[in-house]
Amino acid sequence: MTDDALATTLDRIRVFPIKSLDGVDVDAATLAQAGGLAPDREFAILDADGDYVNGKNERRIHRVSADFDLDGRTVRLTAPHDADAPDAAAFHLDDDRDGIESWLGSFLGYEVSLTGERDGGYPDDTELPGPTVISTGTLREIASWFDGVTVDSMRRRFRANVELASEEPFFEDRLVAEPGERVRARVSDAELIGVNPCQRCVVPSRNPDTGEELDGFRTRFIGKREETMPPWSGGGRFDHAFRLMVNTEVPEASVGATLRVGDDMRVLDVEKE
C-alpha cells in the first residue's frame, strides 16, 4: 500500500449545536475537553422524564428546520412542512432557552427542556466522543444505492462531523482495526484515534426534512455494504454490516487543537488498546 493510499484532506466540517437538529458547516473547529468539536451537540432536547428527544424516538423532530448563527449564538426554528407549526422564530441559545423550549414544545405537543454543556456536549457515543468521520466517496457510493436520494441527503442522514475528500468509497474504514486495536491518524497538529465503525439506527432511513421512512432501507443497505466491502474493511469490529462512519477518540495532548477544512490527514499506524 502506498503512502498516498493512506492520505487525504478534510473536505467538510459540520457541527450540530443542538443534538438531533440540523448541522452547520464551519471552516474550522476546536477539539473540546471531552473530545468532540466545539460546539457540536452542545445542547440536547429532553422530555419530561429526562430522556433525549431525538430522531430515534421522535419522528417529528426531522420536520424542524434549524438555522444557526454560531457567531451570534442564535438559532432560527421553522417547520416548513407543517401548516399548523408555530411561526418561524429566532432565539439566542444562551439567553432565550425558555423560548426555544416553548417553540419546540408547541410543535411536538408535549413539554421539553433544553440542557447545555459547553465543555463536551452530548455525543451520541459517550465512550468514543471524538469527531465522527466519513468520506465523500462513501456518501456518493451509498446515494447510488437508492433511487432519488442525493449525496447531500445522505450527508444529512448520516450526520458526520468530518468529511474526508477521498473519492474512494469507505476510505474511512482505514481508521478501523481489529478488536483490541485502534488506528492513529494525524490531522495537522492533532491526532484522532479511530476505533469503531458506527452502528446505525433508524435515522438514516428517514427523509431528513419530513421524517418519511425509505422502505427497505436497512435491508438494501446491508446487502450492498456486504457486496462492496473493500479489502481493508470488514474485520472483527463489523459484527454486522449496518455500520457506517467511524467513531473516534482524542488524545489528551490534542485537546484544544483546531481542525480546518483543507487540513491534510494521514493514517499513521495501528496500536494496541
C-alpha atoms as a PDB file:
ATOM      1  CA  MET A   1       0.000   0.000   0.000  1.00  0.00           C
ATOM      2  CA  THR A   2       1.422   3.402  -0.942  1.00  0.00           C
ATOM      3  CA  ASP A   3       1.605   6.359   1.406  1.00  0.00           C
ATOM      4  CA  ASP A   4      -0.851   8.170  -0.871  1.00  0.00           C
ATOM      5  CA  ALA A   5      -3.436   5.475  -0.173  1.00  0.00           C
ATOM      6  CA  LEU A   6      -3.309   6.438   3.496  1.00  0.00           C
ATOM      7  CA  ALA A   7      -3.620  10.201   2.997  1.00  0.00           C
ATOM      8  CA  THR A   8      -6.407  12.626   2.158  1.00  0.00           C
ATOM      9  CA  THR A   9      -7.671  16.043   3.243  1.00  0.00           C
ATOM     10  CA  LEU A  10     -10.592  17.382   5.248  1.00  0.00           C
ATOM     11  CA  ASP A  11     -13.276  18.469   2.811  1.00  0.00           C
ATOM     12  CA  ARG A  12     -16.012  19.440   5.243  1.00  0.00           C
ATOM     13  CA  ILE A  13     -16.504  20.030   8.961  1.00  0.00           C
ATOM     14  CA  ARG A  14     -20.047  20.006  10.285  1.00  0.00           C
ATOM     15  CA  VAL A  15     -21.240  20.566  13.840  1.00  0.00           C
ATOM     16  CA  PHE A  16     -24.701  20.034  15.282  1.00  0.00           C
ATOM     17  CA  PRO A  17     -25.139  22.645  18.034  1.00  0.00           C
ATOM     18  CA  ILE A  18     -28.456  21.164  19.229  1.00  0.00           C
ATOM     19  CA  LYS A  19     -28.416  17.390  19.288  1.00  0.00           C
ATOM     20  CA  SER A  20     -30.941  15.937  16.800  1.00  0.00           C
ATOM     21  CA  LEU A  21     -31.429  19.197  14.871  1.00  0.00           C
ATOM     22  CA  ASP A  22     -29.712  20.433  11.710  1.00  0.00           C
ATOM     23  CA  GLY A  23     -25.981  20.827  11.360  1.00  0.00           C
ATOM     24  CA  VAL A  24     -23.945  23.794  10.188  1.00  0.00           C
ATOM     25  CA  ASP A  25     -20.738  23.732   8.142  1.00  0.00           C
ATOM     26  CA  VAL A  26     -17.730  25.555   9.577  1.00  0.00           C
ATOM     27  CA  ASP A  27     -14.264  26.306   8.235  1.00  0.00           C
ATOM     28  CA  ALA A  28     -12.607  25.271  11.489  1.00  0.00           C
ATOM     29  CA  ALA A  29     -13.494  23.771  14.854  1.00  0.00           C
ATOM     30  CA  THR A  30     -11.598  23.198  18.085  1.00  0.00           C
ATOM     31  CA  LEU A  31     -11.360  19.868  19.875  1.00  0.00           C
ATOM     32  CA  ALA A  32     -13.132  20.393  23.200  1.00  0.00           C
ATOM     33  CA  GLN A  33     -12.121  18.962  26.568  1.00  0.00           C
ATOM     34  CA  ALA A  34     -14.385  15.933  26.223  1.00  0.00           C
ATOM     35  CA  GLY A  35     -13.022  15.186  22.752  1.00  0.00           C
ATOM     36  CA  GLY A  36     -15.748  16.445  20.440  1.00  0.00           C
ATOM     37  CA  LEU A  37     -15.739  19.513  18.218  1.00  0.00           C
ATOM     38  CA  ALA A  38     -16.963  22.697  19.879  1.00  0.00           C
ATOM     39  CA  PRO A  39     -19.869  23.466  19.677  1.00  0.00           C
ATOM     40  CA  ASP A  40     -21.027  20.050  18.447  1.00  0.00           C
ATOM     41  CA  ARG A  41     -24.076  18.784  20.351  1.00  0.00           C
ATOM     42  CA  GLU A  42     -23.574  21.467  22.980  1.00  0.00           C
ATOM     43  CA  PHE A  43     -27.302  21.339  23.672  1.00  0.00           C
ATOM     44  CA  ALA A  44     -29.782  18.498  23.923  1.00  0.00           C
ATOM     45  CA  ILE A  45     -33.587  18.374  23.984  1.00  0.00           C
ATOM     46  CA  LEU A  46     -35.075  16.377  26.854  1.00  0.00           C
ATOM     47  CA  ASP A  47     -38.605  15.203  27.589  1.00  0.00           C
ATOM     48  CA  ALA A  48     -40.308  15.311  30.994  1.00  0.00           C
ATOM     49  CA  ASP A  49     -38.580  12.063  32.003  1.00  0.00           C
ATOM     50  CA  GLY A  50     -35.144  13.442  31.163  1.00  0.00           C
ATOM     51  CA  ASP A  51     -34.758  11.282  28.053  1.00  0.00           C
ATOM     52  CA  TYR A  52     -33.389  12.618  24.786  1.00  0.00           C
ATOM     53  CA  VAL A  53     -35.872  13.804  22.184  1.00  0.00           C
ATOM     54  CA  ASN A  54     -34.184  12.634  19.004  1.00  0.00           C
ATOM     55  CA  GLY A  55     -34.835  11.042  15.646  1.00  0.00           C
ATOM     56  CA  LYS A  56     -34.686   7.557  17.150  1.00  0.00           C
ATOM     57  CA  ASN A  57     -37.774   8.092  19.280  1.00  0.00           C
ATOM     58  CA  GLU A  58     -39.490  11.162  17.802  1.00  0.00           C
ATOM     59  CA  ARG A  59     -40.020  11.132  14.046  1.00  0.00           C
ATOM     60  CA  ARG A  60     -41.412  14.683  14.030  1.00  0.00           C
ATOM     61  CA  ILE A  61     -38.085  16.164  15.081  1.00  0.00           C
ATOM     62  CA  HIS A  62     -36.925  15.671  11.473  1.00  0.00           C
ATOM     63  CA  ARG A  63     -39.522  18.237  10.412  1.00  0.00           C
ATOM     64  CA  VAL A  64     -37.911  21.000  12.459  1.00  0.00           C
ATOM     65  CA  SER A  65     -35.538  23.177  10.443  1.00  0.00           C
ATOM     66  CA  ALA A  66     -32.821  24.885  12.494  1.00  0.00           C
ATOM     67  CA  ASP A  67     -30.658  27.649  11.009  1.00  0.00           C
ATOM     68  CA  PHE A  68     -27.741  28.557  13.287  1.00  0.00           C
ATOM     69  CA  ASP A  69     -25.656  31.721  13.511  1.00  0.00           C
ATOM     70  CA  LEU A  70     -22.698  30.491  15.542  1.00  0.00           C
ATOM     71  CA  ASP A  71     -21.063  33.917  15.881  1.00  0.00           C
ATOM     72  CA  GLY A  72     -24.269  35.429  17.216  1.00  0.00           C
ATOM     73  CA  ARG A  73     -25.183  32.216  19.076  1.00  0.00           C
ATOM     74  CA  THR A  74     -28.710  32.224  17.699  1.00  0.00           C
ATOM     75  CA  VAL A  75     -30.973  29.687  16.059  1.00  0.00           C
ATOM     76  CA  ARG A  76     -33.982  30.234  13.821  1.00  0.00           C
ATOM     77  CA  LEU A  77     -36.593  27.484  14.091  1.00  0.00           C
ATOM     78  CA  THR A  78     -39.172  26.683  11.430  1.00  0.00           C
ATOM     79  CA  ALA A  79     -41.252  23.685  10.387  1.00  0.00           C
ATOM     80  CA  PRO A  80     -41.984  24.373   6.713  1.00  0.00           C
ATOM     81  CA  HIS A  81     -43.698  21.028   6.090  1.00  0.00           C
ATOM     82  CA  ASP A  82     -46.319  21.524   8.828  1.00  0.00           C
ATOM     83  CA  ALA A  83     -49.121  24.011   8.276  1.00  0.00           C
ATOM     84  CA  ASP A  84     -50.035  24.010  11.979  1.00  0.00           C
ATOM     85  CA  ALA A  85     -46.494  24.568  13.243  1.00  0.00           C
ATOM     86  CA  PRO A  86     -45.573  27.652  15.270  1.00  0.00           C
ATOM     87  CA  ASP A  87     -44.428  30.666  13.291  1.00  0.00           C
ATOM     88  CA  ALA A  88     -40.735  30.839  12.449  1.00  0.00           C
ATOM     89  CA  ALA A  89     -38.793  32.475  15.250  1.00  0.00           C
ATOM     90  CA  ALA A  90     -35.186  33.231  16.195  1.00  0.00           C
ATOM     91  CA  PHE A  91     -33.757  32.666  19.664  1.00  0.00           C
ATOM     92  CA  HIS A  92     -30.491  33.253  21.490  1.00  0.00           C
ATOM     93  CA  LEU A  93     -29.023  29.926  22.558  1.00  0.00           C
ATOM     94  CA  ASP A  94     -27.890  31.196  25.954  1.00  0.00           C
ATOM     95  CA  ASP A  95     -30.400  33.909  26.824  1.00  0.00           C
ATOM     96  CA  ASP A  96     -33.643  32.515  25.421  1.00  0.00           C
ATOM     97  CA  ARG A  97     -33.736  28.831  26.209  1.00  0.00           C
ATOM     98  CA  ASP A  98     -37.267  29.258  27.544  1.00  0.00           C
ATOM     99  CA  GLY A  99     -38.324  30.468  24.115  1.00  0.00           C
ATOM    100  CA  ILE A 100     -36.685  27.507  22.384  1.00  0.00           C
ATOM    101  CA  GLU A 101     -38.364  25.111  24.807  1.00  0.00           C
ATOM    102  CA  SER A 102     -41.740  26.762  24.262  1.00  0.00           C
ATOM    103  CA  TRP A 103     -41.433  26.641  20.464  1.00  0.00           C
ATOM    104  CA  LEU A 104     -40.358  23.001  20.399  1.00  0.00           C
ATOM    105  CA  GLY A 105     -42.943  22.005  22.994  1.00  0.00           C
ATOM    106  CA  SER A 106     -45.694  23.671  20.986  1.00  0.00           C
ATOM    107  CA  PHE A 107     -44.591  21.868  17.832  1.00  0.00           C
ATOM    108  CA  LEU A 108     -44.169  18.448  19.428  1.00  0.00           C
ATOM    109  CA  GLY A 109     -47.237  18.662  21.646  1.00  0.00           C
ATOM    110  CA  TYR A 110     -45.502  17.998  24.953  1.00  0.00           C
ATOM    111  CA  GLU A 111     -43.186  19.773  27.358  1.00  0.00           C
ATOM    112  CA  VAL A 112     -39.461  19.677  26.639  1.00  0.00           C
ATOM    113  CA  SER A 113     -36.367  21.253  28.151  1.00  0.00           C
ATOM    114  CA  LEU A 114     -33.084  22.356  26.591  1.00  0.00           C
ATOM    115  CA  THR A 115     -29.950  21.466  28.513  1.00  0.00           C
ATOM    116  CA  GLY A 116     -26.445  22.675  27.717  1.00  0.00           C
ATOM    117  CA  GLU A 117     -22.853  21.538  28.312  1.00  0.00           C
ATOM    118  CA  ARG A 118     -20.170  23.718  26.729  1.00  0.00           C
ATOM    119  CA  ASP A 119     -17.169  21.602  27.750  1.00  0.00           C
ATOM    120  CA  GLY A 120     -18.177  18.431  26.000  1.00  0.00           C
ATOM    121  CA  GLY A 121     -21.745  18.390  24.845  1.00  0.00           C
ATOM    122  CA  TYR A 122     -23.893  15.314  24.432  1.00  0.00           C
ATOM    123  CA  PRO A 123     -22.169  12.959  21.970  1.00  0.00           C
ATOM    124  CA  ASP A 124     -24.030  10.014  20.508  1.00  0.00           C
ATOM    125  CA  ASP A 125     -21.240   7.684  21.646  1.00  0.00           C
ATOM    126  CA  THR A 126     -20.160   8.638  25.156  1.00  0.00           C
ATOM    127  CA  GLU A 127     -17.289   6.125  25.161  1.00  0.00           C
ATOM    128  CA  LEU A 128     -15.890   7.421  21.856  1.00  0.00           C
ATOM    129  CA  PRO A 129     -16.871  11.112  21.853  1.00  0.00           C
ATOM    130  CA  GLY A 130     -14.383  12.314  19.246  1.00  0.00           C
ATOM    131  CA  PRO A 131     -15.397  13.649  15.824  1.00  0.00           C
ATOM    132  CA  THR A 132     -17.193  11.146  13.617  1.00  0.00           C
ATOM    133  CA  VAL A 133     -15.532  10.578  10.242  1.00  0.00           C
ATOM    134  CA  ILE A 134     -16.829   9.676   6.785  1.00  0.00           C
ATOM    135  CA  SER A 135     -15.640  10.353   3.214  1.00  0.00           C
ATOM    136  CA  THR A 136     -17.239  11.993   0.202  1.00  0.00           C
ATOM    137  CA  GLY A 137     -16.680   8.831  -1.816  1.00  0.00           C
ATOM    138  CA  THR A 138     -18.653   6.838   0.730  1.00  0.00           C
ATOM    139  CA  LEU A 139     -21.617   9.189   0.626  1.00  0.00           C
ATOM    140  CA  ARG A 140     -21.578   9.168  -3.169  1.00  0.00           C
ATOM    141  CA  GLU A 141     -21.478   5.365  -3.252  1.00  0.00           C
ATOM    142  CA  ILE A 142     -24.336   4.925  -0.800  1.00  0.00           C
ATOM    143  CA  ALA A 143     -26.500   7.520  -2.532  1.00  0.00           C
ATOM    144  CA  SER A 144     -26.159   5.449  -5.709  1.00  0.00           C
ATOM    145  CA  TRP A 145     -27.843   2.514  -3.965  1.00  0.00           C
ATOM    146  CA  PHE A 146     -31.158   4.353  -3.568  1.00  0.00           C
ATOM    147  CA  ASP A 147     -33.198   5.904  -6.359  1.00  0.00           C
ATOM    148  CA  GLY A 148     -33.856   9.608  -5.929  1.00  0.00           C
ATOM    149  CA  VAL A 149     -31.578  10.076  -2.912  1.00  0.00           C
ATOM    150  CA  THR A 150     -28.893  12.726  -3.385  1.00  0.00           C
ATOM    151  CA  VAL A 151     -25.409  12.823  -1.925  1.00  0.00           C
ATOM    152  CA  ASP A 152     -26.393  15.788   0.229  1.00  0.00           C
ATOM    153  CA  SER A 153     -29.412  13.913   1.533  1.00  0.00           C
ATOM    154  CA  MET A 154     -27.120  11.043   2.548  1.00  0.00           C
ATOM    155  CA  ARG A 155     -24.804  13.558   4.195  1.00  0.00           C
ATOM    156  CA  ARG A 156     -27.704  14.844   6.283  1.00  0.00           C
ATOM    157  CA  ARG A 157     -28.946  11.348   7.096  1.00  0.00           C
ATOM    158  CA  PHE A 158     -25.613  10.089   8.450  1.00  0.00           C
ATOM    159  CA  ARG A 159     -24.642  13.316  10.277  1.00  0.00           C
ATOM    160  CA  ALA A 160     -20.840  13.009  10.355  1.00  0.00           C
ATOM    161  CA  ASN A 161     -18.621  15.733  11.805  1.00  0.00           C
ATOM    162  CA  VAL A 162     -15.651  15.329   9.475  1.00  0.00           C
ATOM    163  CA  GLU A 163     -15.940  14.509   5.783  1.00  0.00           C
ATOM    164  CA  LEU A 164     -12.758  13.410   4.056  1.00  0.00           C
ATOM    165  CA  ALA A 165     -12.118  14.491   0.471  1.00  0.00           C
ATOM    166  CA  SER A 166     -11.277  10.990  -0.739  1.00  0.00           C
ATOM    167  CA  GLU A 167     -13.468   9.787  -3.592  1.00  0.00           C
ATOM    168  CA  GLU A 168     -12.589   6.208  -2.661  1.00  0.00           C
ATOM    169  CA  PRO A 169     -15.699   4.632  -1.095  1.00  0.00           C
ATOM    170  CA  PHE A 170     -15.185   3.628   2.528  1.00  0.00           C
ATOM    171  CA  PHE A 171     -11.766   5.275   2.852  1.00  0.00           C
ATOM    172  CA  GLU A 172     -12.693   5.998   6.475  1.00  0.00           C
ATOM    173  CA  ASP A 173     -12.739   2.266   7.220  1.00  0.00           C
ATOM    174  CA  ARG A 174      -8.931   2.514   7.165  1.00  0.00           C
ATOM    175  CA  LEU A 175      -9.385   4.041  10.625  1.00  0.00           C
ATOM    176  CA  VAL A 176     -10.819   0.761  11.930  1.00  0.00           C
ATOM    177  CA  ALA A 177      -8.633  -2.164  13.009  1.00  0.00           C
ATOM    178  CA  GLU A 178      -9.379  -5.427  14.794  1.00  0.00           C
ATOM    179  CA  PRO A 179     -10.877  -5.655  18.304  1.00  0.00           C
ATOM    180  CA  GLY A 180      -8.222  -4.720  20.847  1.00  0.00           C
ATOM    181  CA  GLU A 181      -6.546  -2.386  18.362  1.00  0.00           C
ATOM    182  CA  ARG A 182      -7.024   1.206  17.295  1.00  0.00           C
ATOM    183  CA  VAL A 183      -5.720   3.355  14.466  1.00  0.00           C
ATOM    184  CA  ARG A 184      -3.775   6.592  14.900  1.00  0.00           C
ATOM    185  CA  ALA A 185      -4.286   9.352  12.344  1.00  0.00           C
ATOM    186  CA  ARG A 186      -2.659  12.777  12.123  1.00  0.00           C
ATOM    187  CA  VAL A 187      -4.660  15.863  11.168  1.00  0.00           C
ATOM    188  CA  SER A 188      -2.495  18.984  11.188  1.00  0.00           C
ATOM    189  CA  ASP A 189      -1.316  19.328  14.817  1.00  0.00           C
ATOM    190  CA  ALA A 190      -3.858  16.894  16.219  1.00  0.00           C
ATOM    191  CA  GLU A 191      -4.260  13.154  16.437  1.00  0.00           C
ATOM    192  CA  LEU A 192      -7.511  11.259  16.065  1.00  0.00           C
ATOM    193  CA  ILE A 193      -7.789   7.655  17.181  1.00  0.00           C
ATOM    194  CA  GLY A 194     -10.110   5.576  15.023  1.00  0.00           C
ATOM    195  CA  VAL A 195     -11.792   2.779  16.929  1.00  0.00           C
ATOM    196  CA  ASN A 196     -15.200   1.573  15.856  1.00  0.00           C
ATOM    197  CA  PRO A 197     -17.437   1.632  12.777  1.00  0.00           C
ATOM    198  CA  CYS A 198     -20.612   3.374  13.893  1.00  0.00           C
ATOM    199  CA  GLN A 199     -23.643   1.166  14.409  1.00  0.00           C
ATOM    200  CA  ARG A 200     -26.577   2.832  12.691  1.00  0.00           C
ATOM    201  CA  CYS A 201     -30.093   3.332  13.964  1.00  0.00           C
ATOM    202  CA  VAL A 202     -33.330   4.138  12.143  1.00  0.00           C
ATOM    203  CA  VAL A 203     -32.406   7.793  11.468  1.00  0.00           C
ATOM    204  CA  PRO A 204     -30.527   7.329   8.134  1.00  0.00           C
ATOM    205  CA  SER A 205     -33.572   5.595   6.663  1.00  0.00           C
ATOM    206  CA  ARG A 206     -35.653   8.760   7.075  1.00  0.00           C
ATOM    207  CA  ASN A 207     -36.006  11.805   4.884  1.00  0.00           C
ATOM    208  CA  PRO A 208     -34.108  14.499   6.829  1.00  0.00           C
ATOM    209  CA  ASP A 209     -36.798  17.103   6.079  1.00  0.00           C
ATOM    210  CA  THR A 210     -40.008  15.125   6.583  1.00  0.00           C
ATOM    211  CA  GLY A 211     -39.139  12.034   8.605  1.00  0.00           C
ATOM    212  CA  GLU A 212     -40.682   9.791   5.954  1.00  0.00           C
ATOM    213  CA  GLU A 213     -39.013   6.382   6.035  1.00  0.00           C
ATOM    214  CA  LEU A 214     -37.489   4.878   2.904  1.00  0.00           C
ATOM    215  CA  ASP A 215     -38.939   1.382   2.543  1.00  0.00           C
ATOM    216  CA  GLY A 216     -36.380  -1.401   2.646  1.00  0.00           C
ATOM    217  CA  PHE A 217     -33.511   0.936   3.505  1.00  0.00           C
ATOM    218  CA  ARG A 218     -31.848  -1.283   6.100  1.00  0.00           C
ATOM    219  CA  THR A 219     -32.117  -4.486   4.066  1.00  0.00           C
ATOM    220  CA  ARG A 220     -30.744  -2.914   0.891  1.00  0.00           C
ATOM    221  CA  PHE A 221     -28.010  -1.079   2.782  1.00  0.00           C
ATOM    222  CA  ILE A 222     -26.780  -4.292   4.414  1.00  0.00           C
ATOM    223  CA  GLY A 223     -26.805  -6.197   1.129  1.00  0.00           C
ATOM    224  CA  LYS A 224     -24.889  -3.501  -0.750  1.00  0.00           C
ATOM    225  CA  ARG A 225     -22.487  -2.892   2.144  1.00  0.00           C
ATOM    226  CA  GLU A 226     -21.533  -6.567   2.168  1.00  0.00           C
ATOM    227  CA  GLU A 227     -21.232  -6.583  -1.618  1.00  0.00           C
ATOM    228  CA  THR A 228     -18.944  -3.526  -1.752  1.00  0.00           C
ATOM    229  CA  MET A 229     -16.837  -4.089   1.388  1.00  0.00           C
ATOM    230  CA  PRO A 230     -13.239  -3.144   0.451  1.00  0.00           C
ATOM    231  CA  PRO A 231     -10.210  -5.308   1.322  1.00  0.00           C
ATOM    232  CA  TRP A 232      -9.182  -3.057   4.230  1.00  0.00           C
ATOM    233  CA  SER A 233     -12.601  -3.299   5.844  1.00  0.00           C
ATOM    234  CA  GLY A 234     -14.978  -5.893   7.230  1.00  0.00           C
ATOM    235  CA  GLY A 235     -12.851  -7.101  10.149  1.00  0.00           C
ATOM    236  CA  GLY A 236     -13.840  -8.242  13.597  1.00  0.00           C
ATOM    237  CA  ARG A 237     -15.425  -4.929  14.563  1.00  0.00           C
ATOM    238  CA  PHE A 238     -18.014  -5.442  11.826  1.00  0.00           C
ATOM    239  CA  ASP A 239     -20.238  -7.867  13.724  1.00  0.00           C
ATOM    240  CA  HIS A 240     -22.917  -6.852  11.220  1.00  0.00           C
ATOM    241  CA  ALA A 241     -22.973  -4.737   8.082  1.00  0.00           C
ATOM    242  CA  PHE A 242     -25.323  -1.980   9.271  1.00  0.00           C
ATOM    243  CA  ARG A 243     -22.328   0.113  10.254  1.00  0.00           C
ATOM    244  CA  LEU A 244     -21.041   3.276   8.589  1.00  0.00           C
ATOM    245  CA  MET A 245     -18.829   6.183   9.671  1.00  0.00           C
ATOM    246  CA  VAL A 246     -16.051   5.890  12.247  1.00  0.00           C
ATOM    247  CA  ASN A 247     -16.227   6.804  15.916  1.00  0.00           C
ATOM    248  CA  THR A 248     -13.016   8.303  17.272  1.00  0.00           C
ATOM    249  CA  GLU A 249     -11.401   9.443  20.455  1.00  0.00           C
ATOM    250  CA  VAL A 250      -8.973  12.291  21.003  1.00  0.00           C
ATOM    251  CA  PRO A 251      -5.720  12.010  22.994  1.00  0.00           C
ATOM    252  CA  GLU A 252      -5.361  14.497  25.831  1.00  0.00           C
ATOM    253  CA  ALA A 253      -2.440  16.150  24.041  1.00  0.00           C
ATOM    254  CA  SER A 254      -4.722  17.055  21.117  1.00  0.00           C
ATOM    255  CA  VAL A 255      -7.422  18.765  23.192  1.00  0.00           C
ATOM    256  CA  GLY A 256      -7.533  22.419  22.175  1.00  0.00           C
ATOM    257  CA  ALA A 257      -6.149  21.771  18.700  1.00  0.00           C
ATOM    258  CA  THR A 258      -8.078  23.120  15.729  1.00  0.00           C
ATOM    259  CA  LEU A 259      -9.211  21.124  12.713  1.00  0.00           C
ATOM    260  CA  ARG A 260      -9.596  23.101   9.488  1.00  0.00           C
ATOM    261  CA  VAL A 261     -11.119  22.397   6.106  1.00  0.00           C
ATOM    262  CA  GLY A 262      -8.213  21.614   3.786  1.00  0.00           C
ATOM    263  CA  ASP A 263      -6.038  20.063   6.504  1.00  0.00           C
ATOM    264  CA  ASP A 264      -4.088  17.002   5.468  1.00  0.00           C
ATOM    265  CA  MET A 265      -4.997  13.756   7.173  1.00  0.00           C
ATOM    266  CA  ARG A 266      -2.718  10.735   7.212  1.00  0.00           C
ATOM    267  CA  VAL A 267      -3.259   7.307   8.712  1.00  0.00           C
ATOM    268  CA  LEU A 268      -0.190   6.623  10.885  1.00  0.00           C
ATOM    269  CA  ASP A 269      -0.262   3.176  12.446  1.00  0.00           C
ATOM    270  CA  VAL A 270      -2.193   0.595  14.436  1.00  0.00           C
ATOM    271  CA  GLU A 271      -1.660   0.309  18.178  1.00  0.00           C
ATOM    272  CA  LYS A 272      -2.965  -1.900  20.944  1.00  0.00           C
ATOM    273  CA  GLU A 273      -5.758  -0.532  23.108  1.00  0.00           C
END
